[in-house]
């Protein structure tokens, strides 16, 4: 719990995955409503391209957080192997 309040544990990736599922539901329901309200092509396009765009958007955000995690891992590994007496990394 202490790591959570010190922001050492990131909850962003979990939150983004939940928001992704909710977004897919909203886009799909909107597309289905459009299908049956007389705008068939708009509904079909919304279901296909709306969900594709939403997926790419969420993946882009997850990539940013993944880069942060990997850079933090590299930083902690190099900090552990650095000997300040030698003057070298």
PDB file of N, CA and C in Angstrom:
ATOM      1  N   UNK A   1       0.818  -1.189   0.000  1.00  0.00           N
ATOM      2  CA  UNK A   1       0.000   0.000   0.000  1.00  0.00           C
ATOM      3  C   UNK A   1       0.866   1.258   0.000  1.00  0.00           C
ATOM      4  N   UNK A   2       2.019   1.173   0.631  1.00  0.00           N
ATOM      5  CA  UNK A   2       2.911   2.322   0.686  1.00  0.00           C
ATOM      6  C   UNK A   2       3.428   2.662  -0.711  1.00  0.00           C
ATOM      7  N   UNK A   3       3.708   1.628  -1.525  1.00  0.00           N
ATOM      8  CA  UNK A   3       4.174   1.871  -2.891  1.00  0.00           C
ATOM      9  C   UNK A   3       3.122   2.607  -3.709  1.00  0.00           C
ATOM     10  N   UNK A   4       1.851   2.338  -3.417  1.00  0.00           N
ATOM     11  CA  UNK A   4       0.768   3.006  -4.134  1.00  0.00           C
ATOM     12  C   UNK A   4       0.776   4.500  -3.852  1.00  0.00           C
ATOM     13  N   UNK A   5       0.945   4.867  -2.589  1.00  0.00           N
ATOM     14  CA  UNK A   5       0.921   6.280  -2.220  1.00  0.00           C
ATOM     15  C   UNK A   5       2.223   7.003  -2.564  1.00  0.00           C
ATOM     16  N   UNK A   6       3.290   6.265  -2.801  1.00  0.00           N
ATOM     17  CA  UNK A   6       4.548   6.867  -3.240  1.00  0.00           C
ATOM     18  C   UNK A   6       4.672   6.857  -4.764  1.00  0.00           C
ATOM     19  N   UNK A   7       3.618   6.438  -5.448  1.00  0.00           N
ATOM     20  CA  UNK A   7       3.558   6.380  -6.908  1.00  0.00           C
ATOM     21  C   UNK A   7       4.649   5.490  -7.502  1.00  0.00           C
ATOM     22  N   UNK A   8       5.015   4.428  -6.798  1.00  0.00           N
ATOM     23  CA  UNK A   8       5.959   3.450  -7.339  1.00  0.00           C
ATOM     24  C   UNK A   8       5.224   2.369  -8.116  1.00  0.00           C
ATOM     25  N   UNK A   9       3.958   2.173  -7.791  1.00  0.00           N
ATOM     26  CA  UNK A   9       3.122   1.226  -8.506  1.00  0.00           C
ATOM     27  C   UNK A   9       2.174   2.012  -9.400  1.00  0.00           C
ATOM     28  N   UNK A  10       2.236   1.743 -10.691  1.00  0.00           N
ATOM     29  CA  UNK A  10       1.404   2.470 -11.640  1.00  0.00           C
ATOM     30  C   UNK A  10       0.104   1.701 -11.876  1.00  0.00           C
ATOM     31  N   UNK A  11      -1.005   2.377 -11.785  1.00  0.00           N
ATOM     32  CA  UNK A  11      -2.305   1.767 -12.035  1.00  0.00           C
ATOM     33  C   UNK A  11      -2.851   2.175 -13.399  1.00  0.00           C
ATOM     34  N   UNK A  12      -2.087   2.941 -14.128  1.00  0.00           N
ATOM     35  CA  UNK A  12      -2.559   3.484 -15.401  1.00  0.00           C
ATOM     36  C   UNK A  12      -2.876   2.398 -16.417  1.00  0.00           C
ATOM     37  N   UNK A  13      -2.035   1.378 -16.523  1.00  0.00           N
ATOM     38  CA  UNK A  13      -2.281   0.347 -17.536  1.00  0.00           C
ATOM     39  C   UNK A  13      -3.559  -0.429 -17.234  1.00  0.00           C
ATOM     40  N   UNK A  14      -3.837  -0.676 -15.970  1.00  0.00           N
ATOM     41  CA  UNK A  14      -5.076  -1.366 -15.599  1.00  0.00           C
ATOM     42  C   UNK A  14      -6.274  -0.476 -15.910  1.00  0.00           C
ATOM     43  N   UNK A  15      -6.162   0.795 -15.562  1.00  0.00           N
ATOM     44  CA  UNK A  15      -7.246   1.739 -15.812  1.00  0.00           C
ATOM     45  C   UNK A  15      -7.507   1.889 -17.310  1.00  0.00           C
ATOM     46  N   UNK A  16      -6.468   1.932 -18.107  1.00  0.00           N
ATOM     47  CA  UNK A  16      -6.634   2.069 -19.554  1.00  0.00           C
ATOM     48  C   UNK A  16      -7.313   0.835 -20.135  1.00  0.00           C
ATOM     49  N   UNK A  17      -6.990  -0.347 -19.631  1.00  0.00           N
ATOM     50  CA  UNK A  17      -7.634  -1.568 -20.119  1.00  0.00           C
ATOM     51  C   UNK A  17      -9.122  -1.577 -19.794  1.00  0.00           C
ATOM     52  N   UNK A  18      -9.478  -1.097 -18.605  1.00  0.00           N
ATOM     53  CA  UNK A  18     -10.896  -1.005 -18.233  1.00  0.00           C
ATOM     54  C   UNK A  18     -11.601   0.017 -19.123  1.00  0.00           C
ATOM     55  N   UNK A  19     -10.967   1.169 -19.333  1.00  0.00           N
ATOM     56  CA  UNK A  19     -11.552   2.192 -20.201  1.00  0.00           C
ATOM     57  C   UNK A  19     -11.669   1.703 -21.642  1.00  0.00           C
ATOM     58  N   UNK A  20     -10.738   0.852 -22.066  1.00  0.00           N
ATOM     59  CA  UNK A  20     -10.813   0.283 -23.414  1.00  0.00           C
ATOM     60  C   UNK A  20     -12.079  -0.555 -23.572  1.00  0.00           C
ATOM     61  N   UNK A  21     -12.337  -1.428 -22.602  1.00  0.00           N
ATOM     62  CA  UNK A  21     -13.520  -2.285 -22.678  1.00  0.00           C
ATOM     63  C   UNK A  21     -14.789  -1.436 -22.671  1.00  0.00           C
ATOM     64  N   UNK A  22     -14.840  -0.433 -21.798  1.00  0.00           N
ATOM     65  CA  UNK A  22     -16.013   0.442 -21.756  1.00  0.00           C
ATOM     66  C   UNK A  22     -16.180   1.200 -23.073  1.00  0.00           C
ATOM     67  N   UNK A  23     -15.075   1.661 -23.639  1.00  0.00           N
ATOM     68  CA  UNK A  23     -15.131   2.369 -24.915  1.00  0.00           C
ATOM     69  C   UNK A  23     -15.615   1.487 -26.048  1.00  0.00           C
ATOM     70  N   UNK A  24     -15.164   0.234 -26.075  1.00  0.00           N
ATOM     71  CA  UNK A  24     -15.616  -0.706 -27.105  1.00  0.00           C
ATOM     72  C   UNK A  24     -17.122  -0.912 -26.988  1.00  0.00           C
ATOM     73  N   UNK A  25     -17.601  -1.050 -25.764  1.00  0.00           N
ATOM     74  CA  UNK A  25     -19.045  -1.223 -25.575  1.00  0.00           C
ATOM     75  C   UNK A  25     -19.819  -0.005 -26.070  1.00  0.00           C
ATOM     76  N   UNK A  26     -19.351   1.183 -25.727  1.00  0.00           N
ATOM     77  CA  UNK A  26     -20.044   2.408 -26.141  1.00  0.00           C
ATOM     78  C   UNK A  26     -20.030   2.558 -27.661  1.00  0.00           C
ATOM     79  N   UNK A  27     -18.877   2.364 -28.281  1.00  0.00           N
ATOM     80  CA  UNK A  27     -18.770   2.513 -29.736  1.00  0.00           C
ATOM     81  C   UNK A  27     -19.630   1.471 -30.446  1.00  0.00           C
ATOM     82  N   UNK A  28     -19.610   0.239 -29.967  1.00  0.00           N
ATOM     83  CA  UNK A  28     -20.391  -0.821 -30.599  1.00  0.00           C
ATOM     84  C   UNK A  28     -21.888  -0.577 -30.444  1.00  0.00           C
ATOM     85  N   UNK A  29     -22.323  -0.176 -29.265  1.00  0.00           N
ATOM     86  CA  UNK A  29     -23.748   0.109 -29.051  1.00  0.00           C
ATOM     87  C   UNK A  29     -24.192   1.277 -29.926  1.00  0.00           C
ATOM     88  N   UNK A  30     -23.361   2.312 -30.004  1.00  0.00           N
ATOM     89  CA  UNK A  30     -23.683   3.444 -30.877  1.00  0.00           C
ATOM     90  C   UNK A  30     -23.775   2.992 -32.335  1.00  0.00           C
ATOM     91  N   UNK A  31     -22.866   2.128 -32.748  1.00  0.00           N
ATOM     92  CA  UNK A  31     -22.898   1.610 -34.115  1.00  0.00           C
ATOM     93  C   UNK A  31     -24.142   0.788 -34.393  1.00  0.00           C
ATOM     94  N   UNK A  32     -24.541  -0.031 -33.432  1.00  0.00           N
ATOM     95  CA  UNK A  32     -25.750  -0.847 -33.607  1.00  0.00           C
ATOM     96  C   UNK A  32     -26.984   0.041 -33.674  1.00  0.00           C
ATOM     97  N   UNK A  33     -27.042   1.061 -32.843  1.00  0.00           N
ATOM     98  CA  UNK A  33     -28.168   2.001 -32.891  1.00  0.00           C
ATOM     99  C   UNK A  33     -28.205   2.700 -34.246  1.00  0.00           C
ATOM    100  N   UNK A  34     -27.051   3.078 -34.763  1.00  0.00           N
ATOM    101  CA  UNK A  34     -26.992   3.720 -36.082  1.00  0.00           C
ATOM    102  C   UNK A  34     -27.413   2.757 -37.188  1.00  0.00           C
ATOM    103  N   UNK A  35     -27.061   1.482 -37.045  1.00  0.00           N
ATOM    104  CA  UNK A  35     -27.456   0.486 -38.042  1.00  0.00           C
ATOM    105  C   UNK A  35     -28.972   0.416 -38.183  1.00  0.00           C
ATOM    106  N   UNK A  36     -29.667   0.413 -37.057  1.00  0.00           N
ATOM    107  CA  UNK A  36     -31.112   0.222 -37.073  1.00  0.00           C
ATOM    108  C   UNK A  36     -31.904   1.521 -37.164  1.00  0.00           C
ATOM    109  N   UNK A  37     -31.232   2.646 -37.133  1.00  0.00           N
ATOM    110  CA  UNK A  37     -31.961   3.914 -37.242  1.00  0.00           C
ATOM    111  C   UNK A  37     -31.941   4.453 -38.669  1.00  0.00           C
ATOM    112  N   UNK A  38     -31.545   3.645 -39.610  1.00  0.00           N
ATOM    113  CA  UNK A  38     -31.601   4.038 -41.007  1.00  0.00           C
ATOM    114  C   UNK A  38     -30.268   4.424 -41.610  1.00  0.00           C
ATOM    115  N   UNK A  39     -29.236   4.527 -40.822  1.00  0.00           N
ATOM    116  CA  UNK A  39     -27.922   4.892 -41.342  1.00  0.00           C
ATOM    117  C   UNK A  39     -27.013   3.660 -41.276  1.00  0.00           C
ATOM    118  N   UNK A  40     -27.268   2.729 -42.189  1.00  0.00           N
ATOM    119  CA  UNK A  40     -26.583   1.437 -42.149  1.00  0.00           C
ATOM    120  C   UNK A  40     -25.073   1.572 -42.325  1.00  0.00           C
ATOM    121  N   UNK A  41     -24.645   2.331 -43.325  1.00  0.00           N
ATOM    122  CA  UNK A  41     -23.207   2.455 -43.599  1.00  0.00           C
ATOM    123  C   UNK A  41     -22.482   3.187 -42.473  1.00  0.00           C
ATOM    124  N   UNK A  42     -23.129   4.196 -41.908  1.00  0.00           N
ATOM    125  CA  UNK A  42     -22.514   4.923 -40.790  1.00  0.00           C
ATOM    126  C   UNK A  42     -22.366   3.998 -39.579  1.00  0.00           C
ATOM    127  N   UNK A  43     -23.378   3.197 -39.315  1.00  0.00           N
ATOM    128  CA  UNK A  43     -23.315   2.263 -38.200  1.00  0.00           C
ATOM    129  C   UNK A  43     -22.244   1.213 -38.396  1.00  0.00           C
ATOM    130  N   UNK A  44     -22.170   0.683 -39.604  1.00  0.00           N
ATOM    131  CA  UNK A  44     -21.155  -0.324 -39.906  1.00  0.00           C
ATOM    132  C   UNK A  44     -19.756   0.278 -39.820  1.00  0.00           C
ATOM    133  N   UNK A  45     -19.600   1.481 -40.350  1.00  0.00           N
ATOM    134  CA  UNK A  45     -18.308   2.167 -40.271  1.00  0.00           C
ATOM    135  C   UNK A  45     -17.914   2.481 -38.841  1.00  0.00           C
ATOM    136  N   UNK A  46     -18.894   2.860 -38.031  1.00  0.00           N
ATOM    137  CA  UNK A  46     -18.614   3.150 -36.622  1.00  0.00           C
ATOM    138  C   UNK A  46     -18.159   1.899 -35.892  1.00  0.00           C
ATOM    139  N   UNK A  47     -18.835   0.801 -36.146  1.00  0.00           N
ATOM    140  CA  UNK A  47     -18.461  -0.446 -35.470  1.00  0.00           C
ATOM    141  C   UNK A  47     -17.044  -0.865 -35.876  1.00  0.00           C
ATOM    142  N   UNK A  48     -16.743  -0.794 -37.153  1.00  0.00           N
ATOM    143  CA  UNK A  48     -15.431  -1.257 -37.618  1.00  0.00           C
ATOM    144  C   UNK A  48     -14.335  -0.238 -37.313  1.00  0.00           C
ATOM    145  N   UNK A  49     -14.488   0.965 -37.860  1.00  0.00           N
ATOM    146  CA  UNK A  49     -13.406   1.949 -37.757  1.00  0.00           C
ATOM    147  C   UNK A  49     -13.361   2.635 -36.395  1.00  0.00           C
ATOM    148  N   UNK A  50     -14.514   2.778 -35.762  1.00  0.00           N
ATOM    149  CA  UNK A  50     -14.530   3.365 -34.418  1.00  0.00           C
ATOM    150  C   UNK A  50     -13.794   2.487 -33.418  1.00  0.00           C
ATOM    151  N   UNK A  51     -14.060   1.193 -33.472  1.00  0.00           N
ATOM    152  CA  UNK A  51     -13.366   0.271 -32.571  1.00  0.00           C
ATOM    153  C   UNK A  51     -11.888   0.153 -32.917  1.00  0.00           C
ATOM    154  N   UNK A  52     -11.560   0.206 -34.202  1.00  0.00           N
ATOM    155  CA  UNK A  52     -10.155   0.164 -34.611  1.00  0.00           C
ATOM    156  C   UNK A  52      -9.408   1.399 -34.103  1.00  0.00           C
ATOM    157  N   UNK A  53     -10.002   2.571 -34.295  1.00  0.00           N
ATOM    158  CA  UNK A  53      -9.375   3.801 -33.819  1.00  0.00           C
ATOM    159  C   UNK A  53      -9.219   3.781 -32.299  1.00  0.00           C
ATOM    160  N   UNK A  54     -10.265   3.334 -31.590  1.00  0.00           N
ATOM    161  CA  UNK A  54     -10.211   3.286 -30.124  1.00  0.00           C
ATOM    162  C   UNK A  54      -9.112   2.337 -29.655  1.00  0.00           C
ATOM    163  N   UNK A  55      -8.962   1.200 -30.333  1.00  0.00           N
ATOM    164  CA  UNK A  55      -7.915   0.237 -29.986  1.00  0.00           C
ATOM    165  C   UNK A  55      -6.525   0.849 -30.184  1.00  0.00           C
ATOM    166  N   UNK A  56      -6.309   1.494 -31.321  1.00  0.00           N
ATOM    167  CA  UNK A  56      -5.009   2.110 -31.596  1.00  0.00           C
ATOM    168  C   UNK A  56      -4.699   3.230 -30.604  1.00  0.00           C
ATOM    169  N   UNK A  57      -5.693   4.010 -30.248  1.00  0.00           N
ATOM    170  CA  UNK A  57      -5.513   5.086 -29.277  1.00  0.00           C
ATOM    171  C   UNK A  57      -5.091   4.527 -27.917  1.00  0.00           C
ATOM    172  N   UNK A  58      -5.805   3.505 -27.449  1.00  0.00           N
ATOM    173  CA  UNK A  58      -5.473   2.906 -26.149  1.00  0.00           C
ATOM    174  C   UNK A  58      -4.109   2.217 -26.186  1.00  0.00           C
ATOM    175  N   UNK A  59      -3.773   1.556 -27.284  1.00  0.00           N
ATOM    176  CA  UNK A  59      -2.453   0.934 -27.400  1.00  0.00           C
ATOM    177  C   UNK A  59      -1.349   1.980 -27.359  1.00  0.00           C
ATOM    178  N   UNK A  60      -1.579   3.119 -27.986  1.00  0.00           N
ATOM    179  CA  UNK A  60      -0.590   4.194 -27.955  1.00  0.00           C
ATOM    180  C   UNK A  60      -0.326   4.687 -26.547  1.00  0.00           C
ATOM    181  N   UNK A  61      -1.377   4.815 -25.763  1.00  0.00           N
ATOM    182  CA  UNK A  61      -1.208   5.251 -24.375  1.00  0.00           C
ATOM    183  C   UNK A  61      -0.467   4.187 -23.575  1.00  0.00           C
ATOM    184  N   UNK A  62      -0.801   2.917 -23.783  1.00  0.00           N
ATOM    185  CA  UNK A  62      -0.123   1.840 -23.060  1.00  0.00           C
ATOM    186  C   UNK A  62       1.354   1.781 -23.449  1.00  0.00           C
ATOM    187  N   UNK A  63       1.678   2.062 -24.709  1.00  0.00           N
ATOM    188  CA  UNK A  63       3.081   2.072 -25.142  1.00  0.00           C
ATOM    189  C   UNK A  63       3.864   3.131 -24.383  1.00  0.00           C
ATOM    190  N   UNK A  64       3.272   4.299 -24.178  1.00  0.00           N
ATOM    191  CA  UNK A  64       3.957   5.363 -23.427  1.00  0.00           C
ATOM    192  C   UNK A  64       4.272   4.896 -22.009  1.00  0.00           C
ATOM    193  N   UNK A  65       3.315   4.263 -21.350  1.00  0.00           N
ATOM    194  CA  UNK A  65       3.560   3.774 -19.994  1.00  0.00           C
ATOM    195  C   UNK A  65       4.541   2.605 -19.982  1.00  0.00           C
ATOM    196  N   UNK A  66       4.523   1.787 -21.037  1.00  0.00           N
ATOM    197  CA  UNK A  66       5.483   0.688 -21.135  1.00  0.00           C
ATOM    198  C   UNK A  66       6.903   1.222 -21.292  1.00  0.00           C
ATOM    199  N   UNK A  67       7.063   2.277 -22.077  1.00  0.00           N
ATOM    200  CA  UNK A  67       8.378   2.908 -22.221  1.00  0.00           C
ATOM    201  C   UNK A  67       8.850   3.427 -20.872  1.00  0.00           C
ATOM    202  N   UNK A  68       7.949   4.031 -20.123  1.00  0.00           N
ATOM    203  CA  UNK A  68       8.306   4.539 -18.788  1.00  0.00           C
ATOM    204  C   UNK A  68       8.771   3.402 -17.881  1.00  0.00           C
ATOM    205  N   UNK A  69       8.041   2.289 -17.891  1.00  0.00           N
ATOM    206  CA  UNK A  69       8.415   1.148 -17.049  1.00  0.00           C
ATOM    207  C   UNK A  69       9.793   0.608 -17.425  1.00  0.00           C
ATOM    208  N   UNK A  70      10.052   0.481 -18.710  1.00  0.00           N
ATOM    209  CA  UNK A  70      11.344  -0.060 -19.147  1.00  0.00           C
ATOM    210  C   UNK A  70      12.487   0.894 -18.845  1.00  0.00           C
ATOM    211  N   UNK A  71      12.261   2.184 -19.019  1.00  0.00           N
ATOM    212  CA  UNK A  71      13.303   3.156 -18.683  1.00  0.00           C
ATOM    213  C   UNK A  71      13.583   3.163 -17.185  1.00  0.00           C
ATOM    214  N   UNK A  72      12.544   3.018 -16.373  1.00  0.00           N
ATOM    215  CA  UNK A  72      12.740   2.942 -14.925  1.00  0.00           C
ATOM    216  C   UNK A  72      13.540   1.707 -14.553  1.00  0.00           C
ATOM    217  N   UNK A  73      13.262   0.592 -15.229  1.00  0.00           N
ATOM    218  CA  UNK A  73      14.005  -0.641 -14.979  1.00  0.00           C
ATOM    219  C   UNK A  73      15.474  -0.483 -15.360  1.00  0.00           C
ATOM    220  N   UNK A  74      15.728   0.122 -16.503  1.00  0.00           N
ATOM    221  CA  UNK A  74      17.114   0.354 -16.930  1.00  0.00           C
ATOM    222  C   UNK A  74      17.818   1.277 -15.954  1.00  0.00           C
ATOM    223  N   UNK A  75      17.131   2.317 -15.508  1.00  0.00           N
ATOM    224  CA  UNK A  75      17.717   3.269 -14.568  1.00  0.00           C
ATOM    225  C   UNK A  75      18.081   2.594 -13.248  1.00  0.00           C
ATOM    226  N   UNK A  76      17.194   1.735 -12.752  1.00  0.00           N
ATOM    227  CA  UNK A  76      17.493   1.069 -11.479  1.00  0.00           C
ATOM    228  C   UNK A  76      18.641   0.069 -11.630  1.00  0.00           C
ATOM    229  N   UNK A  77      18.752  -0.576 -12.791  1.00  0.00           N
ATOM    230  CA  UNK A  77      19.856  -1.515 -13.013  1.00  0.00           C
ATOM    231  C   UNK A  77      21.189  -0.790 -13.125  1.00  0.00           C
ATOM    232  N   UNK A  78      21.206   0.347 -13.811  1.00  0.00           N
ATOM    233  CA  UNK A  78      22.467   1.076 -13.949  1.00  0.00           C
ATOM    234  C   UNK A  78      22.859   1.757 -12.650  1.00  0.00           C
ATOM    235  N   UNK A  79      21.889   2.183 -11.857  1.00  0.00           N
ATOM    236  CA  UNK A  79      22.204   2.808 -10.567  1.00  0.00           C
ATOM    237  C   UNK A  79      22.787   1.782  -9.604  1.00  0.00           C
ATOM    238  N   UNK A  80      22.325   0.534  -9.697  1.00  0.00           N
ATOM    239  CA  UNK A  80      22.828  -0.512  -8.811  1.00  0.00           C
ATOM    240  C   UNK A  80      24.241  -0.940  -9.199  1.00  0.00           C
ATOM    241  N   UNK A  81      24.576  -0.839 -10.488  1.00  0.00           N
ATOM    242  CA  UNK A  81      25.898  -1.288 -10.920  1.00  0.00           C
ATOM    243  C   UNK A  81      26.927  -0.162 -10.941  1.00  0.00           C
ATOM    244  N   UNK A  82      26.525   1.051 -10.672  1.00  0.00           N
ATOM    245  CA  UNK A  82      27.439   2.197 -10.698  1.00  0.00           C
ATOM    246  C   UNK A  82      28.247   2.256  -9.401  1.00  0.00           C
ATOM    247  N   UNK A  83      29.562   2.318  -9.546  1.00  0.00           N
ATOM    248  CA  UNK A  83      30.457   2.452  -8.394  1.00  0.00           C
ATOM    249  C   UNK A  83      30.970   3.887  -8.377  1.00  0.00           C
ATOM    250  N   UNK A  84      30.543   4.704  -7.419  1.00  0.00           N
ATOM    251  CA  UNK A  84      30.937   6.113  -7.427  1.00  0.00           C
ATOM    252  C   UNK A  84      32.436   6.321  -7.219  1.00  0.00           C
ATOM    253  N   UNK A  85      33.156   5.360  -6.656  1.00  0.00           N
ATOM    254  CA  UNK A  85      34.597   5.521  -6.427  1.00  0.00           C
ATOM    255  C   UNK A  85      35.401   5.385  -7.707  1.00  0.00           C
ATOM    256  N   UNK A  86      34.892   4.630  -8.673  1.00  0.00           N
ATOM    257  CA  UNK A  86      35.660   4.406  -9.896  1.00  0.00           C
ATOM    258  C   UNK A  86      35.504   5.548 -10.896  1.00  0.00           C
ATOM    259  N   UNK A  87      34.431   6.296 -10.798  1.00  0.00           N
ATOM    260  CA  UNK A  87      34.196   7.388 -11.731  1.00  0.00           C
ATOM    261  C   UNK A  87      33.712   6.916 -13.087  1.00  0.00           C
ATOM    262  N   UNK A  88      33.366   5.629 -13.197  1.00  0.00           N
ATOM    263  CA  UNK A  88      32.871   5.073 -14.454  1.00  0.00           C
ATOM    264  C   UNK A  88      31.485   4.493 -14.218  1.00  0.00           C
ATOM    265  N   UNK A  89      30.752   4.370 -15.309  1.00  0.00           N
ATOM    266  CA  UNK A  89      29.420   3.758 -15.232  1.00  0.00           C
ATOM    267  C   UNK A  89      29.506   2.304 -15.574  1.00  0.00           C
TER     268      UNK A  89
END
